[in-house]
Amino acid sequence: MEKHDRLDTLDHRPPTGRNLLQLGFWMRSAFVGAFFAAAGFAALIDPPQGLPFLTALTWIAAGSTFAWLAWQRTAALLDRVDADESTRADRDDASPIRQVVRAPVSS
């Protein structure tokens, strides 16, 4: 049987609130880790009063590690949200361009 192109926009499950909440948390955590690493790098370039060299290196290492781990968790959550959609297989097979059938011209 032929598979006809059709626009069914309501046949997929939207991401749940829990998944979106976790996604937002991990995305913000990645930025916080990156900012923490940037603060450590800025402390190395222009050291403020009383901040030891090893503390700045610790900020860089901890911030960059936390940012990387949070970004990996964000990517995993995005993949899980994509995999949960029930119409993913239907969308992969369908043509992105909708075919137009025209009646032949009669003279």
N, C-alpha and C. Protein backbone atom coordinates (compact mmCIF):
# COMPACT_ATOMS: atom_id res chain seq x y z
N MET A 1 0.84 -1.17 0.00
CA MET A 1 0.00 0.00 0.00
C MET A 1 0.89 1.24 0.00
N GLU A 2 0.46 2.23 -0.71
CA GLU A 2 1.24 3.46 -0.80
C GLU A 2 1.14 4.26 0.49
N LYS A 3 2.19 4.98 0.74
CA LYS A 3 2.19 5.87 1.89
C LYS A 3 1.96 7.28 1.37
N HIS A 4 0.85 7.87 1.75
CA HIS A 4 0.51 9.20 1.27
C HIS A 4 1.04 10.25 2.24
N ASP A 5 1.46 11.37 1.66
CA ASP A 5 1.89 12.48 2.51
C ASP A 5 0.67 13.10 3.15
N ARG A 6 0.76 13.31 4.43
CA ARG A 6 -0.33 13.98 5.15
C ARG A 6 0.28 14.81 6.27
N LEU A 7 -0.42 15.81 6.64
CA LEU A 7 0.05 16.69 7.70
C LEU A 7 -0.73 16.36 8.97
N ASP A 8 -0.15 15.53 9.81
CA ASP A 8 -0.73 15.24 11.11
C ASP A 8 0.16 15.89 12.16
N THR A 9 -0.23 17.06 12.61
CA THR A 9 0.61 17.78 13.56
C THR A 9 0.30 17.43 15.00
N LEU A 10 -0.83 16.80 15.27
CA LEU A 10 -1.21 16.53 16.64
C LEU A 10 -0.99 15.07 17.04
N ASP A 11 -0.27 14.30 16.24
CA ASP A 11 -0.09 12.90 16.57
C ASP A 11 1.23 12.61 17.29
N HIS A 12 1.89 13.60 17.82
CA HIS A 12 3.10 13.36 18.59
C HIS A 12 2.90 13.84 20.02
N ARG A 13 3.67 13.22 20.88
CA ARG A 13 3.60 13.61 22.29
C ARG A 13 4.57 14.76 22.53
N PRO A 14 4.10 15.84 23.11
CA PRO A 14 5.03 16.94 23.41
C PRO A 14 5.95 16.53 24.57
N PRO A 15 7.11 17.12 24.65
CA PRO A 15 8.00 16.82 25.78
C PRO A 15 7.31 17.16 27.09
N THR A 16 7.54 16.31 28.08
CA THR A 16 6.90 16.55 29.37
C THR A 16 7.58 17.71 30.09
N GLY A 17 6.90 18.24 31.07
CA GLY A 17 7.45 19.35 31.83
C GLY A 17 8.71 18.98 32.58
N ARG A 18 8.78 17.72 33.02
CA ARG A 18 9.96 17.27 33.77
C ARG A 18 11.19 17.28 32.88
N ASN A 19 11.06 16.80 31.64
CA ASN A 19 12.21 16.80 30.72
C ASN A 19 12.65 18.22 30.40
N LEU A 20 11.70 19.11 30.19
CA LEU A 20 12.06 20.50 29.88
C LEU A 20 12.70 21.19 31.08
N LEU A 21 12.24 20.86 32.28
CA LEU A 21 12.83 21.44 33.49
C LEU A 21 14.27 20.98 33.65
N GLN A 22 14.51 19.69 33.45
CA GLN A 22 15.88 19.17 33.54
C GLN A 22 16.77 19.76 32.45
N LEU A 23 16.23 19.89 31.25
CA LEU A 23 17.00 20.46 30.15
C LEU A 23 17.41 21.89 30.46
N GLY A 24 16.48 22.69 30.96
CA GLY A 24 16.80 24.07 31.32
C GLY A 24 17.83 24.15 32.44
N PHE A 25 17.71 23.26 33.42
CA PHE A 25 18.67 23.24 34.52
C PHE A 25 20.08 22.94 34.02
N TRP A 26 20.24 21.91 33.18
CA TRP A 26 21.57 21.54 32.71
C TRP A 26 22.15 22.57 31.76
N MET A 27 21.31 23.22 30.96
CA MET A 27 21.82 24.27 30.08
C MET A 27 22.35 25.45 30.89
N ARG A 28 21.60 25.84 31.90
CA ARG A 28 22.07 26.94 32.76
C ARG A 28 23.32 26.55 33.53
N SER A 29 23.40 25.29 33.95
CA SER A 29 24.58 24.81 34.68
C SER A 29 25.82 24.84 33.80
N ALA A 30 25.66 24.54 32.53
CA ALA A 30 26.80 24.60 31.61
C ALA A 30 27.33 26.03 31.50
N PHE A 31 26.42 27.00 31.43
CA PHE A 31 26.86 28.39 31.37
C PHE A 31 27.51 28.84 32.67
N VAL A 32 27.00 28.41 33.79
CA VAL A 32 27.59 28.77 35.08
C VAL A 32 29.01 28.21 35.17
N GLY A 33 29.19 26.95 34.76
CA GLY A 33 30.53 26.37 34.77
C GLY A 33 31.49 27.11 33.85
N ALA A 34 31.00 27.50 32.68
CA ALA A 34 31.85 28.25 31.74
C ALA A 34 32.22 29.62 32.31
N PHE A 35 31.28 30.28 32.95
CA PHE A 35 31.57 31.58 33.56
C PHE A 35 32.56 31.44 34.72
N PHE A 36 32.43 30.36 35.48
CA PHE A 36 33.35 30.11 36.59
C PHE A 36 34.77 29.90 36.06
N ALA A 37 34.90 29.15 34.96
CA ALA A 37 36.22 28.95 34.35
C ALA A 37 36.76 30.26 33.79
N ALA A 38 35.90 31.09 33.22
CA ALA A 38 36.33 32.39 32.70
C ALA A 38 36.80 33.30 33.82
N ALA A 39 36.14 33.23 34.98
CA ALA A 39 36.57 34.04 36.13
C ALA A 39 37.96 33.60 36.60
N GLY A 40 38.20 32.30 36.59
CA GLY A 40 39.53 31.82 36.97
C GLY A 40 40.59 32.25 35.97
N PHE A 41 40.24 32.23 34.69
CA PHE A 41 41.19 32.68 33.66
C PHE A 41 41.46 34.18 33.79
N ALA A 42 40.41 34.95 34.08
CA ALA A 42 40.60 36.39 34.27
C ALA A 42 41.44 36.67 35.51
N ALA A 43 41.31 35.83 36.54
CA ALA A 43 42.12 36.00 37.74
C ALA A 43 43.60 35.70 37.46
N LEU A 44 43.86 34.84 36.49
CA LEU A 44 45.26 34.58 36.12
C LEU A 44 45.87 35.75 35.36
N ILE A 45 45.09 36.36 34.50
CA ILE A 45 45.59 37.47 33.69
C ILE A 45 45.80 38.72 34.54
N ASP A 46 44.81 39.07 35.33
CA ASP A 46 44.88 40.26 36.18
C ASP A 46 44.52 39.85 37.60
N PRO A 47 45.49 39.36 38.37
CA PRO A 47 45.17 38.82 39.69
C PRO A 47 44.69 39.90 40.66
N PRO A 48 43.52 39.65 41.27
CA PRO A 48 43.05 40.60 42.28
C PRO A 48 43.83 40.39 43.59
N GLN A 49 43.62 41.27 44.51
CA GLN A 49 44.32 41.18 45.79
C GLN A 49 43.89 39.93 46.54
N GLY A 50 44.85 39.14 46.97
CA GLY A 50 44.58 38.01 47.85
C GLY A 50 44.12 36.74 47.17
N LEU A 51 44.13 36.64 45.85
CA LEU A 51 43.71 35.41 45.19
C LEU A 51 44.95 34.64 44.74
N PRO A 52 45.23 33.50 45.36
CA PRO A 52 46.41 32.72 45.00
C PRO A 52 46.31 32.12 43.59
N PHE A 53 47.48 31.80 43.04
CA PHE A 53 47.58 31.23 41.70
C PHE A 53 46.86 29.88 41.62
N LEU A 54 47.04 29.04 42.63
CA LEU A 54 46.42 27.72 42.61
C LEU A 54 44.90 27.79 42.71
N THR A 55 44.39 28.80 43.37
CA THR A 55 42.94 28.97 43.45
C THR A 55 42.37 29.29 42.07
N ALA A 56 43.05 30.15 41.33
CA ALA A 56 42.60 30.49 39.98
C ALA A 56 42.65 29.25 39.08
N LEU A 57 43.70 28.44 39.19
CA LEU A 57 43.78 27.21 38.41
C LEU A 57 42.67 26.23 38.80
N THR A 58 42.34 26.18 40.07
CA THR A 58 41.26 25.32 40.53
C THR A 58 39.93 25.78 39.96
N TRP A 59 39.70 27.08 39.92
CA TRP A 59 38.47 27.61 39.32
C TRP A 59 38.37 27.22 37.85
N ILE A 60 39.49 27.32 37.14
CA ILE A 60 39.49 26.98 35.71
C ILE A 60 39.18 25.49 35.52
N ALA A 61 39.87 24.64 36.28
CA ALA A 61 39.67 23.20 36.14
C ALA A 61 38.26 22.78 36.54
N ALA A 62 37.79 23.27 37.67
CA ALA A 62 36.46 22.88 38.15
C ALA A 62 35.36 23.43 37.24
N GLY A 63 35.48 24.68 36.84
CA GLY A 63 34.47 25.29 35.99
C GLY A 63 34.38 24.65 34.62
N SER A 64 35.54 24.38 34.01
CA SER A 64 35.51 23.77 32.68
C SER A 64 35.02 22.33 32.74
N THR A 65 35.40 21.60 33.78
CA THR A 65 34.91 20.22 33.93
C THR A 65 33.41 20.19 34.15
N PHE A 66 32.91 21.06 35.01
CA PHE A 66 31.47 21.09 35.27
C PHE A 66 30.70 21.54 34.03
N ALA A 67 31.24 22.49 33.30
CA ALA A 67 30.57 22.94 32.07
C ALA A 67 30.53 21.83 31.04
N TRP A 68 31.61 21.08 30.89
CA TRP A 68 31.64 19.98 29.93
C TRP A 68 30.65 18.88 30.32
N LEU A 69 30.63 18.52 31.60
CA LEU A 69 29.70 17.48 32.05
C LEU A 69 28.25 17.92 31.89
N ALA A 70 27.96 19.17 32.21
CA ALA A 70 26.60 19.67 32.06
C ALA A 70 26.20 19.72 30.59
N TRP A 71 27.12 20.08 29.72
CA TRP A 71 26.80 20.11 28.29
C TRP A 71 26.55 18.70 27.76
N GLN A 72 27.29 17.72 28.22
CA GLN A 72 27.06 16.33 27.82
C GLN A 72 25.68 15.86 28.28
N ARG A 73 25.30 16.25 29.48
CA ARG A 73 23.98 15.87 30.00
C ARG A 73 22.87 16.56 29.20
N THR A 74 23.11 17.80 28.79
CA THR A 74 22.14 18.52 27.96
C THR A 74 21.95 17.82 26.62
N ALA A 75 23.05 17.41 26.00
CA ALA A 75 22.96 16.72 24.71
C ALA A 75 22.22 15.39 24.86
N ALA A 76 22.45 14.68 25.96
CA ALA A 76 21.76 13.41 26.18
C ALA A 76 20.26 13.62 26.37
N LEU A 77 19.88 14.68 27.07
CA LEU A 77 18.46 14.97 27.26
C LEU A 77 17.80 15.37 25.95
N LEU A 78 18.51 16.13 25.11
CA LEU A 78 17.95 16.49 23.81
C LEU A 78 17.75 15.27 22.93
N ASP A 79 18.70 14.33 22.97
CA ASP A 79 18.54 13.10 22.20
C ASP A 79 17.37 12.27 22.72
N ARG A 80 17.17 12.26 24.03
CA ARG A 80 16.07 11.50 24.60
C ARG A 80 14.72 12.12 24.22
N VAL A 81 14.64 13.44 24.20
CA VAL A 81 13.39 14.10 23.80
C VAL A 81 13.09 13.80 22.34
N ASP A 82 14.12 13.79 21.48
CA ASP A 82 13.92 13.44 20.07
C ASP A 82 13.49 11.99 19.90
N ALA A 83 14.05 11.09 20.68
CA ALA A 83 13.73 9.68 20.55
C ALA A 83 12.32 9.37 21.06
N ASP A 84 11.77 10.20 21.94
CA ASP A 84 10.45 9.96 22.50
C ASP A 84 9.32 10.28 21.53
N GLU A 85 9.59 11.02 20.49
CA GLU A 85 8.52 11.40 19.57
C GLU A 85 8.03 10.18 18.80
N SER A 86 6.73 9.97 18.80
CA SER A 86 6.17 8.78 18.16
C SER A 86 6.17 8.89 16.64
N THR A 87 6.28 10.06 16.08
CA THR A 87 6.23 10.22 14.62
C THR A 87 7.61 10.38 14.00
N ARG A 88 8.65 10.11 14.74
CA ARG A 88 9.99 10.31 14.20
C ARG A 88 10.23 9.43 12.97
N ALA A 89 9.82 8.17 13.01
CA ALA A 89 10.02 7.29 11.86
C ALA A 89 9.19 7.76 10.67
N ASP A 90 7.98 8.25 10.92
CA ASP A 90 7.15 8.75 9.83
C ASP A 90 7.77 9.98 9.18
N ARG A 91 8.35 10.84 9.97
CA ARG A 91 8.96 12.05 9.42
C ARG A 91 10.21 11.74 8.62
N ASP A 92 10.96 10.71 9.00
CA ASP A 92 12.19 10.38 8.28
C ASP A 92 11.91 9.84 6.89
N ASP A 93 10.78 9.15 6.71
CA ASP A 93 10.45 8.56 5.42
C ASP A 93 9.75 9.54 4.48
N ALA A 94 9.08 10.52 5.04
CA ALA A 94 8.27 11.43 4.23
C ALA A 94 9.16 12.40 3.46
N SER A 95 8.69 12.77 2.31
CA SER A 95 9.41 13.73 1.49
C SER A 95 9.23 15.13 2.07
N PRO A 96 10.29 15.94 2.12
CA PRO A 96 10.14 17.28 2.67
C PRO A 96 9.34 18.20 1.74
N ILE A 97 9.26 17.84 0.46
CA ILE A 97 8.51 18.66 -0.50
C ILE A 97 7.19 17.97 -0.78
N ARG A 98 6.13 18.68 -0.60
CA ARG A 98 4.81 18.11 -0.82
C ARG A 98 4.51 18.08 -2.32
N GLN A 99 4.11 16.92 -2.82
CA GLN A 99 3.82 16.76 -4.23
C GLN A 99 2.47 17.38 -4.58
N VAL A 100 2.41 18.04 -5.69
CA VAL A 100 1.19 18.65 -6.18
C VAL A 100 0.75 17.90 -7.41
N VAL A 101 -0.48 17.40 -7.37
CA VAL A 101 -1.02 16.66 -8.51
C VAL A 101 -1.92 17.61 -9.28
N ARG A 102 -1.63 17.75 -10.56
CA ARG A 102 -2.42 18.67 -11.39
C ARG A 102 -3.21 17.88 -12.42
N ALA A 103 -4.37 18.36 -12.70
CA ALA A 103 -5.21 17.72 -13.72
C ALA A 103 -4.65 18.05 -15.10
N PRO A 104 -4.74 17.09 -16.03
CA PRO A 104 -4.23 17.38 -17.37
C PRO A 104 -5.06 18.45 -18.05
N VAL A 105 -4.42 19.21 -18.89
CA VAL A 105 -5.10 20.29 -19.61
C VAL A 105 -5.80 19.69 -20.81
N SER A 106 -7.08 19.96 -20.90
CA SER A 106 -7.83 19.45 -22.06
C SER A 106 -8.11 20.60 -23.02
N SER A 107 -7.99 20.34 -24.30
CA SER A 107 -8.21 21.40 -25.29
C SER A 107 -9.56 21.32 -25.92
